[in-house]
């Protein structure tokens, strides 16, 4: 009886050791997956910025739709540059119907995450009354927030920003 108990104890100990090793392996794999996700997000953010720099309005519609899809994916992953770029697509009617309300939504999402370009673009919407009531006070407020982040365009806006 003692012999069976000792064998059972050894078997349970081995199973516990295996469970512990599997748990450690799982934690390691989770860390690797998280690191890969971060790298993919970084690559997507970089690709988004590069893509926008290369795109002009004269490019073909499939390319613009591809860019829009890329920005949508980036925005879905929380990339602020992608959010701001979607705002530009809607504000300028690139690959989508011009929609200042949607542009404002995307600019606000990016601005809430600290994107100075989006703040400047929100200022421009309010300054020019595009999709919103023209409101120089709100425009100035957005320009000041962007300028505080070092955005040169916001510092030279036409709403009287003097600092």
N, C-alpha and C. Protein backbone atom coordinates (compact mmCIF):
# COMPACT_ATOMS: atom_id res chain seq x y z
N UNK A 1 0.81 -1.18 0.00
CA UNK A 1 0.00 0.00 0.00
C UNK A 1 0.87 1.27 0.00
N UNK A 2 1.93 1.26 0.82
CA UNK A 2 2.84 2.40 0.87
C UNK A 2 3.56 2.58 -0.46
N UNK A 3 3.85 1.44 -1.07
CA UNK A 3 4.53 1.49 -2.38
C UNK A 3 3.63 2.16 -3.42
N UNK A 4 2.36 1.83 -3.45
CA UNK A 4 1.40 2.44 -4.39
C UNK A 4 1.26 3.93 -4.11
N UNK A 5 1.22 4.27 -2.83
CA UNK A 5 1.11 5.68 -2.44
C UNK A 5 2.35 6.44 -2.91
N UNK A 6 3.52 5.89 -2.77
CA UNK A 6 4.76 6.54 -3.21
C UNK A 6 4.78 6.71 -4.73
N UNK A 7 4.32 5.67 -5.43
CA UNK A 7 4.26 5.76 -6.89
C UNK A 7 3.27 6.85 -7.32
N UNK A 8 2.13 6.90 -6.66
CA UNK A 8 1.12 7.93 -6.95
C UNK A 8 1.68 9.32 -6.66
N UNK A 9 2.41 9.45 -5.55
CA UNK A 9 3.01 10.73 -5.19
C UNK A 9 4.03 11.17 -6.24
N UNK A 10 4.85 10.23 -6.72
CA UNK A 10 5.82 10.55 -7.77
C UNK A 10 5.09 10.95 -9.05
N UNK A 11 4.04 10.21 -9.41
CA UNK A 11 3.28 10.52 -10.63
C UNK A 11 2.65 11.90 -10.53
N UNK A 12 2.04 12.22 -9.40
CA UNK A 12 1.42 13.54 -9.21
C UNK A 12 2.49 14.63 -9.26
N UNK A 13 3.64 14.36 -8.66
CA UNK A 13 4.73 15.34 -8.68
C UNK A 13 5.20 15.60 -10.11
N UNK A 14 5.33 14.55 -10.88
CA UNK A 14 5.74 14.70 -12.28
C UNK A 14 4.71 15.49 -13.06
N UNK A 15 3.43 15.18 -12.85
CA UNK A 15 2.35 15.92 -13.54
C UNK A 15 2.35 17.39 -13.13
N UNK A 16 2.59 17.65 -11.85
CA UNK A 16 2.64 19.04 -11.38
C UNK A 16 3.81 19.78 -12.01
N UNK A 17 4.94 19.10 -12.12
CA UNK A 17 6.11 19.70 -12.76
C UNK A 17 5.83 20.00 -14.23
N UNK A 18 5.20 19.06 -14.92
CA UNK A 18 4.84 19.28 -16.33
C UNK A 18 3.86 20.45 -16.47
N UNK A 19 2.90 20.53 -15.58
CA UNK A 19 1.93 21.63 -15.63
C UNK A 19 2.65 22.96 -15.42
N UNK A 20 3.60 22.99 -14.50
CA UNK A 20 4.37 24.21 -14.26
C UNK A 20 5.18 24.61 -15.47
N UNK A 21 5.82 23.65 -16.10
CA UNK A 21 6.61 23.93 -17.31
C UNK A 21 5.73 24.43 -18.44
N UNK A 22 4.56 23.82 -18.59
CA UNK A 22 3.62 24.29 -19.63
C UNK A 22 3.15 25.70 -19.35
N UNK A 23 2.93 26.02 -18.09
CA UNK A 23 2.51 27.38 -17.72
C UNK A 23 3.61 28.38 -18.06
N UNK A 24 4.86 28.04 -17.74
CA UNK A 24 5.98 28.93 -18.09
C UNK A 24 6.09 29.12 -19.59
N UNK A 25 5.94 28.03 -20.33
CA UNK A 25 6.00 28.09 -21.79
C UNK A 25 4.88 28.98 -22.32
N UNK A 26 3.71 28.87 -21.74
CA UNK A 26 2.56 29.67 -22.16
C UNK A 26 2.82 31.16 -21.93
N UNK A 27 3.37 31.48 -20.77
CA UNK A 27 3.69 32.88 -20.46
C UNK A 27 4.71 33.41 -21.46
N UNK A 28 5.73 32.60 -21.75
CA UNK A 28 6.76 33.01 -22.71
C UNK A 28 6.15 33.25 -24.08
N UNK A 29 5.29 32.34 -24.54
CA UNK A 29 4.65 32.48 -25.85
C UNK A 29 3.75 33.71 -25.89
N UNK A 30 3.08 34.00 -24.79
CA UNK A 30 2.21 35.17 -24.72
C UNK A 30 3.05 36.44 -24.86
N UNK A 31 4.20 36.46 -24.21
CA UNK A 31 5.10 37.63 -24.31
C UNK A 31 5.61 37.81 -25.73
N UNK A 32 5.97 36.70 -26.35
CA UNK A 32 6.45 36.76 -27.74
C UNK A 32 5.34 37.30 -28.64
N UNK A 33 4.12 36.80 -28.46
CA UNK A 33 2.99 37.25 -29.27
C UNK A 33 2.71 38.73 -29.05
N UNK A 34 2.80 39.19 -27.81
CA UNK A 34 2.57 40.60 -27.50
C UNK A 34 3.65 41.48 -28.15
N UNK A 35 4.88 41.02 -28.10
CA UNK A 35 5.98 41.76 -28.74
C UNK A 35 5.77 41.82 -30.26
N UNK A 36 5.35 40.73 -30.85
CA UNK A 36 5.08 40.71 -32.29
C UNK A 36 3.93 41.66 -32.64
N UNK A 37 2.91 41.71 -31.78
CA UNK A 37 1.80 42.63 -32.02
C UNK A 37 2.28 44.07 -31.96
N UNK A 38 3.13 44.38 -30.98
CA UNK A 38 3.66 45.74 -30.87
C UNK A 38 4.49 46.09 -32.10
N UNK A 39 5.30 45.15 -32.56
CA UNK A 39 6.10 45.38 -33.76
C UNK A 39 5.20 45.61 -34.97
N UNK A 40 4.15 44.81 -35.09
CA UNK A 40 3.23 44.97 -36.21
C UNK A 40 2.54 46.32 -36.16
N UNK A 41 2.13 46.76 -34.96
CA UNK A 41 1.51 48.07 -34.81
C UNK A 41 2.48 49.18 -35.19
N UNK A 42 3.75 49.02 -34.79
CA UNK A 42 4.76 50.02 -35.13
C UNK A 42 4.98 50.07 -36.65
N UNK A 43 5.05 48.91 -37.26
CA UNK A 43 5.23 48.84 -38.72
C UNK A 43 4.04 49.47 -39.42
N UNK A 44 2.84 49.17 -38.93
CA UNK A 44 1.63 49.74 -39.53
C UNK A 44 1.63 51.26 -39.40
N UNK A 45 2.01 51.75 -38.23
CA UNK A 45 2.06 53.20 -38.04
C UNK A 45 3.07 53.84 -38.99
N UNK A 46 4.23 53.22 -39.13
CA UNK A 46 5.24 53.75 -40.04
C UNK A 46 4.77 53.69 -41.48
N UNK A 47 4.18 52.56 -41.85
CA UNK A 47 3.68 52.41 -43.22
C UNK A 47 2.61 53.44 -43.52
N UNK A 48 1.78 53.71 -42.53
CA UNK A 48 0.72 54.71 -42.70
C UNK A 48 1.32 56.07 -43.02
N UNK A 49 2.33 56.47 -42.26
CA UNK A 49 2.95 57.77 -42.47
C UNK A 49 3.64 57.84 -43.84
N UNK A 50 4.34 56.79 -44.19
CA UNK A 50 5.03 56.74 -45.48
C UNK A 50 4.02 56.76 -46.62
N UNK A 51 2.98 55.96 -46.46
CA UNK A 51 1.95 55.85 -47.50
C UNK A 51 1.33 57.21 -47.78
N UNK A 52 0.99 57.94 -46.73
CA UNK A 52 0.37 59.25 -46.93
C UNK A 52 1.32 60.20 -47.64
N UNK A 53 2.60 60.12 -47.32
CA UNK A 53 3.57 61.01 -47.96
C UNK A 53 3.66 60.73 -49.46
N UNK A 54 3.43 59.49 -49.86
CA UNK A 54 3.56 59.12 -51.27
C UNK A 54 2.29 59.33 -52.08
N UNK A 55 1.17 59.43 -51.40
CA UNK A 55 -0.11 59.50 -52.11
C UNK A 55 -0.42 60.93 -52.54
N UNK A 56 -0.86 61.06 -53.77
CA UNK A 56 -1.36 62.34 -54.26
C UNK A 56 -2.75 62.10 -54.81
N UNK A 57 -3.49 63.17 -55.02
CA UNK A 57 -4.86 63.05 -55.52
C UNK A 57 -4.91 62.52 -56.96
N UNK A 58 -3.82 62.58 -57.68
CA UNK A 58 -3.82 62.12 -59.06
C UNK A 58 -3.69 60.60 -59.18
N UNK A 59 -3.40 59.93 -58.09
CA UNK A 59 -3.23 58.49 -58.18
C UNK A 59 -4.57 57.81 -58.40
N UNK A 60 -4.49 56.60 -58.89
CA UNK A 60 -5.70 55.88 -59.28
C UNK A 60 -6.56 55.51 -58.08
N UNK A 61 -7.83 55.31 -58.35
CA UNK A 61 -8.81 55.02 -57.31
C UNK A 61 -8.49 53.75 -56.53
N UNK A 62 -8.07 52.65 -57.17
CA UNK A 62 -7.74 51.46 -56.36
C UNK A 62 -6.64 51.73 -55.33
N UNK A 63 -5.66 52.55 -55.68
CA UNK A 63 -4.60 52.87 -54.73
C UNK A 63 -5.16 53.67 -53.57
N UNK A 64 -6.04 54.61 -53.87
CA UNK A 64 -6.63 55.42 -52.81
C UNK A 64 -7.51 54.56 -51.90
N UNK A 65 -8.24 53.62 -52.47
CA UNK A 65 -9.06 52.73 -51.66
C UNK A 65 -8.19 51.83 -50.80
N UNK A 66 -7.06 51.41 -51.34
CA UNK A 66 -6.12 50.60 -50.57
C UNK A 66 -5.57 51.42 -49.40
N UNK A 67 -5.24 52.68 -49.67
CA UNK A 67 -4.74 53.55 -48.60
C UNK A 67 -5.80 53.75 -47.54
N UNK A 68 -7.05 53.98 -47.96
CA UNK A 68 -8.14 54.16 -47.01
C UNK A 68 -8.27 52.92 -46.13
N UNK A 69 -8.21 51.73 -46.73
CA UNK A 69 -8.30 50.47 -45.97
C UNK A 69 -7.13 50.34 -44.99
N UNK A 70 -5.94 50.75 -45.43
CA UNK A 70 -4.77 50.71 -44.55
C UNK A 70 -4.97 51.63 -43.35
N UNK A 71 -5.45 52.84 -43.61
CA UNK A 71 -5.69 53.78 -42.51
C UNK A 71 -6.79 53.27 -41.59
N UNK A 72 -7.81 52.65 -42.15
CA UNK A 72 -8.90 52.11 -41.33
C UNK A 72 -8.35 51.03 -40.39
N UNK A 73 -7.50 50.16 -40.92
CA UNK A 73 -6.89 49.11 -40.10
C UNK A 73 -6.04 49.73 -38.99
N UNK A 74 -5.25 50.71 -39.36
CA UNK A 74 -4.41 51.39 -38.36
C UNK A 74 -5.26 52.06 -37.29
N UNK A 75 -6.33 52.73 -37.70
CA UNK A 75 -7.22 53.39 -36.74
C UNK A 75 -7.87 52.38 -35.82
N UNK A 76 -8.26 51.23 -36.36
CA UNK A 76 -8.86 50.17 -35.56
C UNK A 76 -7.89 49.65 -34.50
N UNK A 77 -6.59 49.79 -34.76
CA UNK A 77 -5.57 49.37 -33.80
C UNK A 77 -5.10 50.52 -32.92
N UNK A 78 -5.78 51.67 -33.02
CA UNK A 78 -5.46 52.80 -32.15
C UNK A 78 -4.37 53.71 -32.64
N UNK A 79 -3.94 53.59 -33.90
CA UNK A 79 -2.88 54.44 -34.43
C UNK A 79 -3.43 55.84 -34.72
N UNK A 80 -2.88 56.84 -34.03
CA UNK A 80 -3.40 58.20 -34.18
C UNK A 80 -3.16 58.79 -35.56
N UNK A 81 -2.02 58.47 -36.17
CA UNK A 81 -1.76 58.99 -37.52
C UNK A 81 -2.81 58.47 -38.49
N UNK A 82 -3.17 57.22 -38.35
CA UNK A 82 -4.21 56.64 -39.22
C UNK A 82 -5.55 57.33 -39.00
N UNK A 83 -5.87 57.62 -37.74
CA UNK A 83 -7.12 58.33 -37.44
C UNK A 83 -7.13 59.69 -38.12
N UNK A 84 -6.02 60.41 -37.98
CA UNK A 84 -5.93 61.73 -38.60
C UNK A 84 -6.00 61.65 -40.12
N UNK A 85 -5.39 60.62 -40.69
CA UNK A 85 -5.42 60.46 -42.14
C UNK A 85 -6.83 60.14 -42.63
N UNK A 86 -7.58 59.35 -41.87
CA UNK A 86 -8.98 59.11 -42.24
C UNK A 86 -9.75 60.42 -42.22
N UNK A 87 -9.45 61.25 -41.23
CA UNK A 87 -10.08 62.57 -41.19
C UNK A 87 -9.78 63.37 -42.45
N UNK A 88 -8.53 63.33 -42.90
CA UNK A 88 -8.16 64.04 -44.13
C UNK A 88 -8.89 63.48 -45.34
N UNK A 89 -9.00 62.15 -45.42
CA UNK A 89 -9.71 61.54 -46.54
C UNK A 89 -11.14 62.04 -46.59
N UNK A 90 -11.79 62.08 -45.44
CA UNK A 90 -13.18 62.55 -45.41
C UNK A 90 -13.26 64.06 -45.67
N UNK A 91 -12.35 64.82 -45.11
CA UNK A 91 -12.37 66.28 -45.29
C UNK A 91 -12.12 66.67 -46.74
N UNK A 92 -11.27 65.92 -47.42
CA UNK A 92 -10.91 66.26 -48.80
C UNK A 92 -11.69 65.45 -49.83
N UNK A 93 -12.50 64.50 -49.37
CA UNK A 93 -13.27 63.67 -50.30
C UNK A 93 -12.39 62.76 -51.13
N UNK A 94 -11.34 62.24 -50.53
CA UNK A 94 -10.41 61.34 -51.23
C UNK A 94 -10.89 59.91 -51.04
N UNK A 95 -11.29 59.27 -52.11
CA UNK A 95 -11.72 57.87 -52.10
C UNK A 95 -13.05 57.64 -51.37
N UNK A 96 -13.60 58.68 -50.78
CA UNK A 96 -14.90 58.63 -50.11
C UNK A 96 -15.63 59.94 -50.42
N UNK A 97 -16.91 59.94 -50.16
CA UNK A 97 -17.67 61.18 -50.31
C UNK A 97 -17.22 62.16 -49.23
N UNK A 98 -17.01 63.41 -49.62
CA UNK A 98 -16.59 64.42 -48.65
C UNK A 98 -17.62 64.49 -47.53
N UNK A 99 -17.15 64.40 -46.30
CA UNK A 99 -18.04 64.39 -45.14
C UNK A 99 -17.29 65.02 -43.97
N UNK A 100 -17.56 66.31 -43.75
CA UNK A 100 -16.84 67.03 -42.71
C UNK A 100 -17.19 66.52 -41.31
N UNK A 101 -18.41 66.00 -41.14
CA UNK A 101 -18.79 65.46 -39.83
C UNK A 101 -17.92 64.24 -39.49
N UNK A 102 -17.72 63.36 -40.48
CA UNK A 102 -16.86 62.19 -40.25
C UNK A 102 -15.41 62.62 -40.09
N UNK A 103 -15.00 63.62 -40.85
CA UNK A 103 -13.64 64.14 -40.70
C UNK A 103 -13.44 64.63 -39.27
N UNK A 104 -14.41 65.37 -38.78
CA UNK A 104 -14.32 65.89 -37.41
C UNK A 104 -14.23 64.74 -36.41
N UNK A 105 -15.04 63.69 -36.58
CA UNK A 105 -15.00 62.55 -35.67
C UNK A 105 -13.60 61.95 -35.62
N UNK A 106 -13.01 61.73 -36.79
CA UNK A 106 -11.68 61.11 -36.82
C UNK A 106 -10.62 62.05 -36.25
N UNK A 107 -10.73 63.34 -36.57
CA UNK A 107 -9.78 64.30 -36.01
C UNK A 107 -9.89 64.32 -34.48
N UNK A 108 -11.12 64.28 -33.97
CA UNK A 108 -11.31 64.31 -32.52
C UNK A 108 -10.71 63.06 -31.87
N UNK A 109 -10.89 61.90 -32.49
CA UNK A 109 -10.31 60.67 -31.94
C UNK A 109 -8.79 60.79 -31.86
N UNK A 110 -8.19 61.30 -32.93
CA UNK A 110 -6.73 61.45 -32.94
C UNK A 110 -6.29 62.53 -31.95
N UNK A 111 -7.04 63.63 -31.89
CA UNK A 111 -6.69 64.72 -30.97
C UNK A 111 -6.80 64.26 -29.52
N UNK A 112 -7.78 63.43 -29.22
CA UNK A 112 -7.93 62.90 -27.86
C UNK A 112 -6.72 62.07 -27.44
N UNK A 113 -6.00 61.54 -28.43
CA UNK A 113 -4.79 60.76 -28.16
C UNK A 113 -3.53 61.63 -28.27
N UNK A 114 -3.72 62.95 -28.41
CA UNK A 114 -2.59 63.86 -28.39
C UNK A 114 -1.99 64.22 -29.74
N UNK A 115 -2.66 63.92 -30.84
CA UNK A 115 -2.12 64.20 -32.17
C UNK A 115 -2.27 65.68 -32.52
N UNK A 116 -1.15 66.37 -32.64
CA UNK A 116 -1.16 67.81 -32.90
C UNK A 116 -1.72 68.15 -34.28
N UNK A 117 -1.42 67.34 -35.30
CA UNK A 117 -1.96 67.60 -36.64
C UNK A 117 -3.48 67.57 -36.62
N UNK A 118 -4.04 66.60 -35.92
CA UNK A 118 -5.49 66.50 -35.83
C UNK A 118 -6.07 67.72 -35.11
N UNK A 119 -5.38 68.20 -34.10
CA UNK A 119 -5.84 69.39 -33.38
C UNK A 119 -5.86 70.60 -34.33
N UNK A 120 -4.80 70.72 -35.14
CA UNK A 120 -4.74 71.81 -36.11
C UNK A 120 -5.87 71.69 -37.12
N UNK A 121 -6.13 70.48 -37.58
CA UNK A 121 -7.20 70.27 -38.55
C UNK A 121 -8.57 70.57 -37.95
N UNK A 122 -8.76 70.26 -36.68
CA UNK A 122 -10.01 70.63 -36.01
C UNK A 122 -10.14 72.15 -35.95
N UNK A 123 -9.03 72.80 -35.66
CA UNK A 123 -9.04 74.27 -35.66
C UNK A 123 -9.46 74.82 -37.00
N UNK A 124 -8.96 74.22 -38.07
CA UNK A 124 -9.31 74.68 -39.43
C UNK A 124 -10.79 74.45 -39.72
N UNK A 125 -11.34 73.33 -39.25
CA UNK A 125 -12.78 73.09 -39.47
C UNK A 125 -13.60 74.18 -38.80
N UNK A 126 -13.26 74.52 -37.56
CA UNK A 126 -14.00 75.56 -36.85
C UNK A 126 -13.74 76.94 -37.43
N UNK A 127 -12.50 77.19 -37.83
CA UNK A 127 -12.16 78.49 -38.41
C UNK A 127 -12.95 78.75 -39.69
N UNK A 128 -13.10 77.71 -40.51
CA UNK A 128 -13.74 77.87 -41.81
C UNK A 128 -15.21 77.43 -41.83
N UNK A 129 -15.73 76.97 -40.70
CA UNK A 129 -17.13 76.54 -40.65
C UNK A 129 -17.40 75.34 -41.54
N UNK A 130 -16.50 74.39 -41.56
CA UNK A 130 -16.64 73.20 -42.41
C UNK A 130 -17.25 72.06 -41.60
N UNK A 131 -18.54 71.83 -41.80
CA UNK A 131 -19.23 70.76 -41.08
C UNK A 131 -19.60 71.13 -39.66
N UNK A 132 -19.24 72.32 -39.26
CA UNK A 132 -19.56 72.84 -37.92
C UNK A 132 -19.89 74.32 -38.08
N UNK A 133 -20.52 74.87 -37.07
CA UNK A 133 -20.75 76.31 -37.09
C UNK A 133 -19.39 77.00 -36.96
N UNK A 134 -19.19 78.04 -37.76
CA UNK A 134 -17.92 78.76 -37.69
C UNK A 134 -17.77 79.32 -36.28
N UNK A 135 -16.65 79.04 -35.66
CA UNK A 135 -16.44 79.42 -34.26
C UNK A 135 -14.95 79.70 -34.07
N UNK A 136 -14.61 80.99 -34.11
CA UNK A 136 -13.20 81.36 -34.00
C UNK A 136 -12.62 81.03 -32.62
N UNK A 137 -13.45 81.08 -31.58
CA UNK A 137 -12.96 80.76 -30.24
C UNK A 137 -12.55 79.29 -30.16
N UNK A 138 -13.39 78.40 -30.69
CA UNK A 138 -13.04 76.98 -30.69
C UNK A 138 -11.85 76.71 -31.60
N UNK A 139 -11.80 77.41 -32.73
CA UNK A 139 -10.67 77.25 -33.63
C UNK A 139 -9.38 77.62 -32.90
N UNK A 140 -9.41 78.76 -32.25
CA UNK A 140 -8.23 79.20 -31.52
C UNK A 140 -7.85 78.21 -30.43
N UNK A 141 -8.86 77.68 -29.73
CA UNK A 141 -8.60 76.69 -28.67
C UNK A 141 -7.85 75.47 -29.22
N UNK A 142 -8.32 74.98 -30.39
CA UNK A 142 -7.65 73.82 -30.98
C UNK A 142 -6.25 74.18 -31.49
N UNK A 143 -6.12 75.37 -32.09
CA UNK A 143 -4.81 75.80 -32.56
C UNK A 143 -3.83 75.94 -31.38
N UNK A 144 -4.32 76.46 -30.27
CA UNK A 144 -3.45 76.62 -29.10
C UNK A 144 -3.00 75.27 -28.55
N UNK A 145 -3.92 74.31 -28.51
CA UNK A 145 -3.55 72.97 -28.05
C UNK A 145 -2.47 72.37 -28.95
N UNK A 146 -2.65 72.53 -30.26
CA UNK A 146 -1.66 72.00 -31.21
C UNK A 146 -0.34 72.74 -31.09
N UNK A 147 -0.42 74.07 -30.94
CA UNK A 147 0.80 74.87 -30.81
C UNK A 147 1.57 74.48 -29.55
N UNK A 148 0.85 74.18 -28.47
CA UNK A 148 1.50 73.74 -27.24
C UNK A 148 2.29 72.45 -27.45
N UNK A 149 1.91 71.69 -28.46
CA UNK A 149 2.63 70.45 -28.80
C UNK A 149 3.71 70.71 -29.86
N UNK A 150 3.89 71.98 -30.24
CA UNK A 150 4.96 72.33 -31.17
C UNK A 150 4.55 72.36 -32.63
N UNK A 151 3.26 72.34 -32.94
CA UNK A 151 2.81 72.36 -34.32
C UNK A 151 2.95 73.76 -34.91
N UNK A 152 3.86 73.90 -35.86
CA UNK A 152 4.15 75.21 -36.45
C UNK A 152 2.96 75.78 -37.22
N UNK A 153 2.22 74.93 -37.92
CA UNK A 153 1.06 75.41 -38.67
C UNK A 153 0.03 76.04 -37.74
N UNK A 154 -0.18 75.43 -36.58
CA UNK A 154 -1.13 75.96 -35.61
C UNK A 154 -0.67 77.31 -35.08
N UNK A 155 0.63 77.46 -34.94
CA UNK A 155 1.18 78.72 -34.42
C UNK A 155 0.96 79.88 -35.38
N UNK A 156 0.77 79.59 -36.65
CA UNK A 156 0.62 80.66 -37.64
C UNK A 156 -0.78 80.69 -38.24
N UNK A 157 -1.75 80.14 -37.53
CA UNK A 157 -3.11 80.11 -38.06
C UNK A 157 -3.67 81.53 -38.21
N UNK A 158 -4.77 81.63 -38.91
CA UNK A 158 -5.35 82.95 -39.21
C UNK A 158 -6.33 83.42 -38.15
N UNK A 159 -6.42 82.74 -37.03
CA UNK A 159 -7.39 83.14 -36.00
C UNK A 159 -6.79 84.10 -34.99
N UNK A 160 -5.65 84.63 -35.29
CA UNK A 160 -5.06 85.62 -34.41
C UNK A 160 -4.16 85.02 -33.34
N UNK A 161 -3.69 83.83 -33.54
CA UNK A 161 -2.79 83.22 -32.56
C UNK A 161 -1.53 84.06 -32.47
N UNK A 162 -1.30 84.59 -31.28
CA UNK A 162 -0.11 85.41 -31.08
C UNK A 162 0.70 84.88 -29.91
N UNK A 163 0.16 83.98 -29.15
CA UNK A 163 0.90 83.36 -28.07
C UNK A 163 0.80 83.99 -26.78
